[in-house]
C-alpha cells in the first residue's frame, strides 16, 4: 500500500537544544560491555570539560561494572558521531566537537566485558 505524506511538517522539535537551558543531550556507549545494552543519554552542560565527564559523571553510570576501575583512559579508542576521535580532556564538550545528541562510542583495550562476553 502506498503512503503519501501531506507535509512538509514545519515545527520546532521539543528536544531542540534551546529547551535544555544551557545543557545538551550526549549519548555514551561503552562498546563490548553487554551489561549496558544501549548508549546512555546524559544531559550535560555544554561547557563541561571532557575530563570532568570521565572523572565525575561516568563513574556514577558505569561504575557498577567490575571492569570500570581498570579503564586506562589514555588508551581508550573513541568515535564521535561515527568518526575516529581523540578528546582533549581539558577542553569543553563543545570545544571537542561534541554537539547536542552526539554519540560517543568508546572501546577499552584489554577489557572485553564480563568473562570476555562480546558479540
N, C-alpha and C. Protein backbone atom coordinates (compact mmCIF):
# COMPACT_ATOMS: atom_id res chain seq x y z
N UNK A 1 0.84 -1.17 0.00
CA UNK A 1 0.00 0.00 0.00
C UNK A 1 0.89 1.24 0.00
N UNK A 2 0.63 2.15 -0.86
CA UNK A 2 1.41 3.37 -0.97
C UNK A 2 0.93 4.40 0.04
N UNK A 3 1.88 5.10 0.64
CA UNK A 3 1.56 6.15 1.60
C UNK A 3 2.08 7.47 1.04
N UNK A 4 1.26 8.48 1.12
CA UNK A 4 1.66 9.80 0.65
C UNK A 4 1.67 10.76 1.82
N UNK A 5 2.79 11.41 2.03
CA UNK A 5 2.91 12.40 3.10
C UNK A 5 2.17 13.66 2.73
N UNK A 6 1.52 14.26 3.69
CA UNK A 6 0.79 15.50 3.41
C UNK A 6 1.57 16.72 3.90
N UNK A 7 2.85 16.52 4.19
CA UNK A 7 3.72 17.57 4.72
C UNK A 7 4.08 18.57 3.64
N UNK A 8 5.06 19.39 3.80
CA UNK A 8 6.10 19.26 4.81
C UNK A 8 5.59 19.68 6.19
N UNK A 9 6.20 19.05 7.20
CA UNK A 9 5.86 19.38 8.57
C UNK A 9 6.83 20.43 9.05
N UNK A 10 6.31 21.56 9.46
CA UNK A 10 7.16 22.64 9.92
C UNK A 10 6.83 22.93 11.37
N UNK A 11 7.72 22.49 12.25
CA UNK A 11 7.54 22.72 13.68
C UNK A 11 8.92 22.64 14.34
N UNK A 12 9.02 23.28 15.48
CA UNK A 12 10.26 23.21 16.24
C UNK A 12 10.15 22.02 17.17
N UNK A 13 11.10 21.10 17.08
CA UNK A 13 11.04 19.88 17.89
C UNK A 13 11.18 20.21 19.38
N UNK A 14 10.57 19.40 20.20
CA UNK A 14 10.64 19.60 21.64
C UNK A 14 12.02 19.31 22.20
N UNK A 15 12.81 18.49 21.50
CA UNK A 15 14.14 18.18 22.02
C UNK A 15 15.21 19.08 21.40
N UNK A 16 14.81 20.22 20.89
CA UNK A 16 15.75 21.20 20.37
C UNK A 16 16.62 21.71 21.51
N UNK A 17 17.87 21.99 21.22
CA UNK A 17 18.84 22.39 22.26
C UNK A 17 18.39 23.61 23.06
N UNK A 18 17.61 24.49 22.46
CA UNK A 18 17.15 25.69 23.17
C UNK A 18 16.29 25.35 24.39
N UNK A 19 15.75 24.15 24.42
CA UNK A 19 14.88 23.74 25.53
C UNK A 19 15.63 23.09 26.68
N UNK A 20 16.96 23.07 26.64
CA UNK A 20 17.74 22.37 27.65
C UNK A 20 18.53 23.32 28.56
N UNK A 21 18.26 24.60 28.50
CA UNK A 21 18.80 25.59 29.45
C UNK A 21 20.32 25.52 29.60
N UNK A 22 21.03 25.53 28.48
CA UNK A 22 22.49 25.52 28.50
C UNK A 22 23.10 24.14 28.54
N UNK A 23 22.28 23.11 28.60
CA UNK A 23 22.76 21.73 28.59
C UNK A 23 22.54 21.13 27.21
N UNK A 24 23.07 19.96 27.02
CA UNK A 24 22.82 19.22 25.78
C UNK A 24 22.77 17.74 26.12
N UNK A 25 22.04 16.99 25.31
CA UNK A 25 21.98 15.54 25.47
C UNK A 25 23.15 14.93 24.70
N UNK A 26 23.89 14.07 25.37
CA UNK A 26 25.01 13.38 24.74
C UNK A 26 24.86 11.89 25.05
N UNK A 27 24.98 11.07 24.03
CA UNK A 27 24.87 9.62 24.18
C UNK A 27 26.27 9.02 24.32
N UNK A 28 26.44 8.12 25.29
CA UNK A 28 27.72 7.47 25.58
C UNK A 28 27.53 5.97 25.52
N UNK A 29 28.37 5.26 24.79
CA UNK A 29 28.25 3.80 24.71
C UNK A 29 29.60 3.14 24.91
N UNK A 30 29.69 2.30 25.94
CA UNK A 30 30.89 1.53 26.24
C UNK A 30 30.79 0.24 25.45
N UNK A 31 31.49 0.18 24.35
CA UNK A 31 31.41 -0.96 23.44
C UNK A 31 31.95 -2.23 24.09
N UNK A 32 31.41 -3.36 23.70
CA UNK A 32 31.79 -4.69 24.14
C UNK A 32 31.39 -4.98 25.59
N UNK A 33 30.58 -4.16 26.18
CA UNK A 33 30.18 -4.35 27.57
C UNK A 33 28.66 -4.51 27.63
N UNK A 34 28.25 -5.76 27.52
CA UNK A 34 26.84 -6.09 27.35
C UNK A 34 26.00 -5.90 28.61
N UNK A 35 26.63 -5.56 29.72
CA UNK A 35 25.87 -5.23 30.92
C UNK A 35 25.04 -3.97 30.64
N UNK A 36 25.44 -3.20 29.64
CA UNK A 36 24.75 -1.98 29.23
C UNK A 36 24.30 -2.19 27.79
N UNK A 37 23.02 -2.37 27.58
CA UNK A 37 22.51 -2.79 26.27
C UNK A 37 22.46 -1.67 25.25
N UNK A 38 22.54 -0.44 25.68
CA UNK A 38 22.41 0.67 24.76
C UNK A 38 23.21 1.86 25.29
N UNK A 39 23.35 2.85 24.44
CA UNK A 39 24.04 4.07 24.86
C UNK A 39 23.25 4.76 25.98
N UNK A 40 23.98 5.40 26.87
CA UNK A 40 23.36 6.19 27.94
C UNK A 40 23.12 7.60 27.42
N UNK A 41 21.98 8.17 27.73
CA UNK A 41 21.67 9.55 27.38
C UNK A 41 21.92 10.41 28.62
N UNK A 42 22.87 11.32 28.51
CA UNK A 42 23.21 12.18 29.64
C UNK A 42 22.98 13.64 29.25
N UNK A 43 22.34 14.38 30.12
CA UNK A 43 22.16 15.81 29.90
C UNK A 43 23.30 16.51 30.63
N UNK A 44 24.16 17.17 29.86
CA UNK A 44 25.39 17.73 30.40
C UNK A 44 25.54 19.19 29.99
N UNK A 45 26.18 20.00 30.84
CA UNK A 45 26.48 21.38 30.44
C UNK A 45 27.41 21.38 29.23
N UNK A 46 27.12 22.23 28.28
CA UNK A 46 27.92 22.30 27.05
C UNK A 46 29.36 22.68 27.33
N UNK A 47 29.59 23.46 28.40
CA UNK A 47 30.94 23.92 28.71
C UNK A 47 31.68 23.00 29.69
N UNK A 48 31.10 21.86 30.02
CA UNK A 48 31.76 20.92 30.93
C UNK A 48 33.01 20.35 30.26
N UNK A 49 34.15 20.37 30.94
CA UNK A 49 35.34 19.76 30.37
C UNK A 49 35.14 18.25 30.17
N UNK A 50 35.67 17.74 29.07
CA UNK A 50 35.53 16.33 28.74
C UNK A 50 36.04 15.46 29.88
N UNK A 51 37.17 15.83 30.45
CA UNK A 51 37.75 15.06 31.55
C UNK A 51 36.85 14.99 32.77
N UNK A 52 36.06 16.05 33.01
CA UNK A 52 35.13 16.03 34.14
C UNK A 52 34.04 14.98 33.93
N UNK A 53 33.64 14.76 32.70
CA UNK A 53 32.65 13.71 32.43
C UNK A 53 33.25 12.35 32.80
N UNK A 54 34.49 12.12 32.37
CA UNK A 54 35.14 10.84 32.65
C UNK A 54 35.33 10.62 34.15
N UNK A 55 35.71 11.67 34.87
CA UNK A 55 36.04 11.54 36.29
C UNK A 55 34.85 11.66 37.23
N UNK A 56 33.84 12.43 36.85
CA UNK A 56 32.76 12.74 37.78
C UNK A 56 31.38 12.22 37.38
N UNK A 57 31.17 11.97 36.11
CA UNK A 57 29.85 11.55 35.64
C UNK A 57 29.81 10.05 35.32
N UNK A 58 30.74 9.59 34.48
CA UNK A 58 30.71 8.19 34.06
C UNK A 58 30.86 7.19 35.22
N UNK A 59 31.62 7.49 36.27
CA UNK A 59 31.67 6.52 37.38
C UNK A 59 30.29 6.24 37.98
N UNK A 60 29.42 7.23 38.01
CA UNK A 60 28.07 7.02 38.53
C UNK A 60 27.19 6.24 37.57
N UNK A 61 27.57 6.20 36.32
CA UNK A 61 26.79 5.49 35.31
C UNK A 61 27.31 4.07 35.07
N UNK A 62 28.61 3.94 34.93
CA UNK A 62 29.21 2.66 34.59
C UNK A 62 29.98 2.02 35.74
N UNK A 63 30.10 2.71 36.87
CA UNK A 63 30.93 2.26 37.96
C UNK A 63 30.56 0.93 38.57
N UNK A 64 29.33 0.48 38.39
CA UNK A 64 28.95 -0.81 38.96
C UNK A 64 29.54 -1.98 38.17
N UNK A 65 30.08 -1.70 36.98
CA UNK A 65 30.70 -2.77 36.19
C UNK A 65 32.06 -3.08 36.81
N UNK A 66 32.36 -4.37 37.03
CA UNK A 66 33.61 -4.71 37.70
C UNK A 66 34.88 -4.30 36.94
N UNK A 67 34.77 -4.01 35.66
CA UNK A 67 35.96 -3.61 34.90
C UNK A 67 36.14 -2.10 34.82
N UNK A 68 35.17 -1.34 35.29
CA UNK A 68 35.25 0.12 35.12
C UNK A 68 36.50 0.71 35.75
N UNK A 69 36.85 0.28 36.93
CA UNK A 69 38.03 0.83 37.61
C UNK A 69 39.34 0.49 36.89
N UNK A 70 39.30 -0.47 35.98
CA UNK A 70 40.51 -0.88 35.26
C UNK A 70 40.73 -0.07 33.98
N UNK A 71 39.80 0.79 33.63
CA UNK A 71 39.93 1.55 32.38
C UNK A 71 41.14 2.46 32.46
N UNK A 72 41.97 2.39 31.44
CA UNK A 72 43.08 3.33 31.27
C UNK A 72 42.63 4.34 30.22
N UNK A 73 42.13 5.47 30.69
CA UNK A 73 41.51 6.45 29.79
C UNK A 73 42.46 6.93 28.70
N UNK A 74 43.74 6.91 28.96
CA UNK A 74 44.70 7.35 27.94
C UNK A 74 44.79 6.38 26.78
N UNK A 75 44.31 5.15 26.96
CA UNK A 75 44.37 4.13 25.91
C UNK A 75 43.02 3.87 25.24
N UNK A 76 41.98 4.54 25.71
CA UNK A 76 40.64 4.31 25.16
C UNK A 76 40.59 4.76 23.70
N UNK A 77 39.88 3.99 22.90
CA UNK A 77 39.65 4.31 21.49
C UNK A 77 38.25 4.91 21.40
N UNK A 78 38.17 6.09 20.78
CA UNK A 78 36.92 6.84 20.73
C UNK A 78 36.40 6.99 19.31
N UNK A 79 35.08 7.07 19.21
CA UNK A 79 34.42 7.51 17.98
C UNK A 79 33.38 8.54 18.39
N UNK A 80 33.31 9.62 17.63
CA UNK A 80 32.32 10.67 17.85
C UNK A 80 31.48 10.78 16.59
N UNK A 81 30.22 10.48 16.72
CA UNK A 81 29.29 10.56 15.59
C UNK A 81 29.81 9.81 14.36
N UNK A 82 30.35 8.62 14.60
CA UNK A 82 30.79 7.74 13.52
C UNK A 82 32.18 8.01 12.97
N UNK A 83 32.92 8.92 13.60
CA UNK A 83 34.28 9.24 13.14
C UNK A 83 35.29 9.02 14.27
N UNK A 84 36.50 8.57 13.94
CA UNK A 84 37.53 8.45 14.98
C UNK A 84 37.73 9.81 15.67
N UNK A 85 38.05 9.75 16.93
CA UNK A 85 38.06 10.97 17.75
C UNK A 85 39.08 10.82 18.86
N UNK A 86 39.82 11.88 19.14
CA UNK A 86 40.74 11.91 20.28
C UNK A 86 40.38 13.14 21.09
N UNK A 87 39.76 12.94 22.26
CA UNK A 87 39.31 14.10 23.04
C UNK A 87 40.46 14.85 23.72
N UNK A 88 40.25 16.14 23.87
CA UNK A 88 41.12 16.98 24.69
C UNK A 88 40.42 17.03 26.04
N UNK A 89 40.97 16.37 27.04
CA UNK A 89 40.30 16.22 28.33
C UNK A 89 40.08 17.54 29.06
N UNK A 90 40.90 18.54 28.78
CA UNK A 90 40.75 19.83 29.46
C UNK A 90 39.79 20.76 28.74
N UNK A 91 39.44 20.46 27.50
CA UNK A 91 38.53 21.30 26.73
C UNK A 91 37.08 20.90 26.98
N UNK A 92 36.18 21.84 26.74
CA UNK A 92 34.75 21.59 26.94
C UNK A 92 34.22 20.59 25.92
N UNK A 93 33.04 20.08 26.19
CA UNK A 93 32.39 19.19 25.24
C UNK A 93 32.26 19.87 23.88
N UNK A 94 31.76 21.11 23.88
CA UNK A 94 31.57 21.84 22.62
C UNK A 94 32.90 22.05 21.90
N UNK A 95 33.94 22.42 22.64
CA UNK A 95 35.26 22.63 22.02
C UNK A 95 35.80 21.34 21.43
N UNK A 96 35.37 20.20 21.95
CA UNK A 96 35.77 18.90 21.41
C UNK A 96 34.90 18.48 20.23
N UNK A 97 33.92 19.30 19.88
CA UNK A 97 33.04 18.97 18.76
C UNK A 97 31.86 18.09 19.13
N UNK A 98 31.63 17.93 20.44
CA UNK A 98 30.50 17.14 20.91
C UNK A 98 29.28 18.04 20.92
N UNK A 99 28.30 17.68 20.12
CA UNK A 99 27.11 18.50 19.99
C UNK A 99 25.89 17.88 20.65
N UNK A 100 24.78 18.58 20.57
CA UNK A 100 23.51 18.10 21.09
C UNK A 100 23.12 16.83 20.34
N UNK A 101 22.92 15.76 21.08
CA UNK A 101 22.54 14.45 20.59
C UNK A 101 23.68 13.73 19.86
N UNK A 102 24.93 14.11 20.15
CA UNK A 102 26.08 13.38 19.62
C UNK A 102 26.15 12.01 20.28
N UNK A 103 26.76 11.07 19.56
CA UNK A 103 27.00 9.73 20.09
C UNK A 103 28.50 9.53 20.23
N UNK A 104 28.93 9.29 21.46
CA UNK A 104 30.32 8.95 21.74
C UNK A 104 30.37 7.45 22.04
N UNK A 105 31.16 6.73 21.27
CA UNK A 105 31.39 5.30 21.49
C UNK A 105 32.83 5.15 21.94
N UNK A 106 33.06 4.26 22.93
CA UNK A 106 34.43 4.05 23.37
C UNK A 106 34.71 2.58 23.62
N UNK A 107 35.93 2.19 23.25
CA UNK A 107 36.44 0.84 23.42
C UNK A 107 37.59 0.90 24.42
N UNK A 108 37.65 -0.07 25.29
CA UNK A 108 38.68 -0.11 26.32
C UNK A 108 39.59 -1.30 26.04
N UNK A 109 40.76 -1.05 25.46
CA UNK A 109 41.68 -2.14 25.11
C UNK A 109 41.97 -3.04 26.32
N UNK A 110 41.86 -4.34 26.08
CA UNK A 110 42.12 -5.32 27.12
C UNK A 110 40.92 -5.64 27.99
N UNK A 111 39.88 -4.81 27.91
CA UNK A 111 38.65 -5.04 28.69
C UNK A 111 37.53 -5.35 27.70
N UNK A 112 37.05 -6.56 27.76
CA UNK A 112 36.07 -7.01 26.75
C UNK A 112 34.80 -7.54 27.40
N UNK A 113 34.34 -6.91 28.43
CA UNK A 113 33.10 -7.33 29.09
C UNK A 113 33.35 -8.46 30.07
N UNK A 114 32.30 -8.83 30.76
CA UNK A 114 32.39 -9.88 31.78
C UNK A 114 32.76 -11.20 31.15
N UNK A 115 33.84 -11.78 31.59
CA UNK A 115 34.34 -13.07 31.08
C UNK A 115 34.57 -13.04 29.57
N UNK A 116 34.86 -11.86 29.04
CA UNK A 116 35.12 -11.74 27.60
C UNK A 116 33.86 -11.92 26.76
N UNK A 117 32.69 -11.68 27.34
CA UNK A 117 31.42 -11.89 26.65
C UNK A 117 31.12 -10.73 25.71
N UNK A 118 31.63 -10.82 24.50
CA UNK A 118 31.37 -9.79 23.49
C UNK A 118 30.65 -10.42 22.32
N UNK A 119 30.03 -9.58 21.53
CA UNK A 119 29.36 -10.05 20.31
C UNK A 119 30.27 -9.85 19.14
